[in-house]
């Protein structure tokens, strides 16, 4: 009887750490879900207010002045991250902060803690995509660090791709600012943060675009087969490069071959010198 009791106690003792780990994991997920639910409820209320607005002026006011402020919700996610350090929940919380908050201090702290504690993680890809939404320069520095130091090829490829897109986006904004008239400038101010606009004003678009193109070329050369969304990084990077180099205003349209409505072979070049309307559409 004594031996059975000792064996039972030993068995319970061996299960206790695992049970405690499961309990801690559940608590972490619950804390994250609670913070996320509060944010999603605020977004849902904002969308409802927008959809029920009676006038264009009211819709514009709701869209620009009443949308949920990520900075108000970021502390809840930071609390989750520091309460459960080193976990995927912590990484997801840091990702939410850099993707939704504007508080520079909060963003910088999130990036520092991720680079310190999660740089070896194979789950870093989701954080990389949240970094792509962040307009602070801290995001670009973090992407560069991940590209240089992550041991996982798919994570490095994603970081290279997102960094290239951010460079191209910055170049586009810098060019638009330089060429904008008063009305266009007002539209840019309505759609971009002051941080993004101020930074773009100091950039040389041609140089930044060249950097972005080089990063996408690197994606094609080194990470082309890495799966991403519904394809591969190489496919998406090649598409971006093709658009940049062939589909800009003022460029000659690339050749298009197909059949006309009578099933006869046709080429776009056959209509050179004529006014042509191209209607692109898809069924998703």
Foldseek 3Di string as FASTA:
>chain_A
DVVVVVVVVVVVVVCVVVVVVVVVVVVLVVLLVVLVVVLVVQQVVLVVQLVPDDDPVSNLCSVQPVRDAVVVSLVSLCVSLVVDDLDVSNLVSLLSCQQGHQPPVSVLVSLVSCLVRPLAPPPCQSSLVSLLNHQDVSSLVSLVSSLPDHPDQLSNLSSLLSNLVSLLVLLVLLVCVVPDDPVSVVVVPRVDDPSSNVVSVPDDSVVSNVVSLVSLVVSLVRFQQRDDDPGGSNVVSVVVVCCVVAVDPPHDHDKDWDADPVRHTDIPVVQPPHDDDDDDDDDD
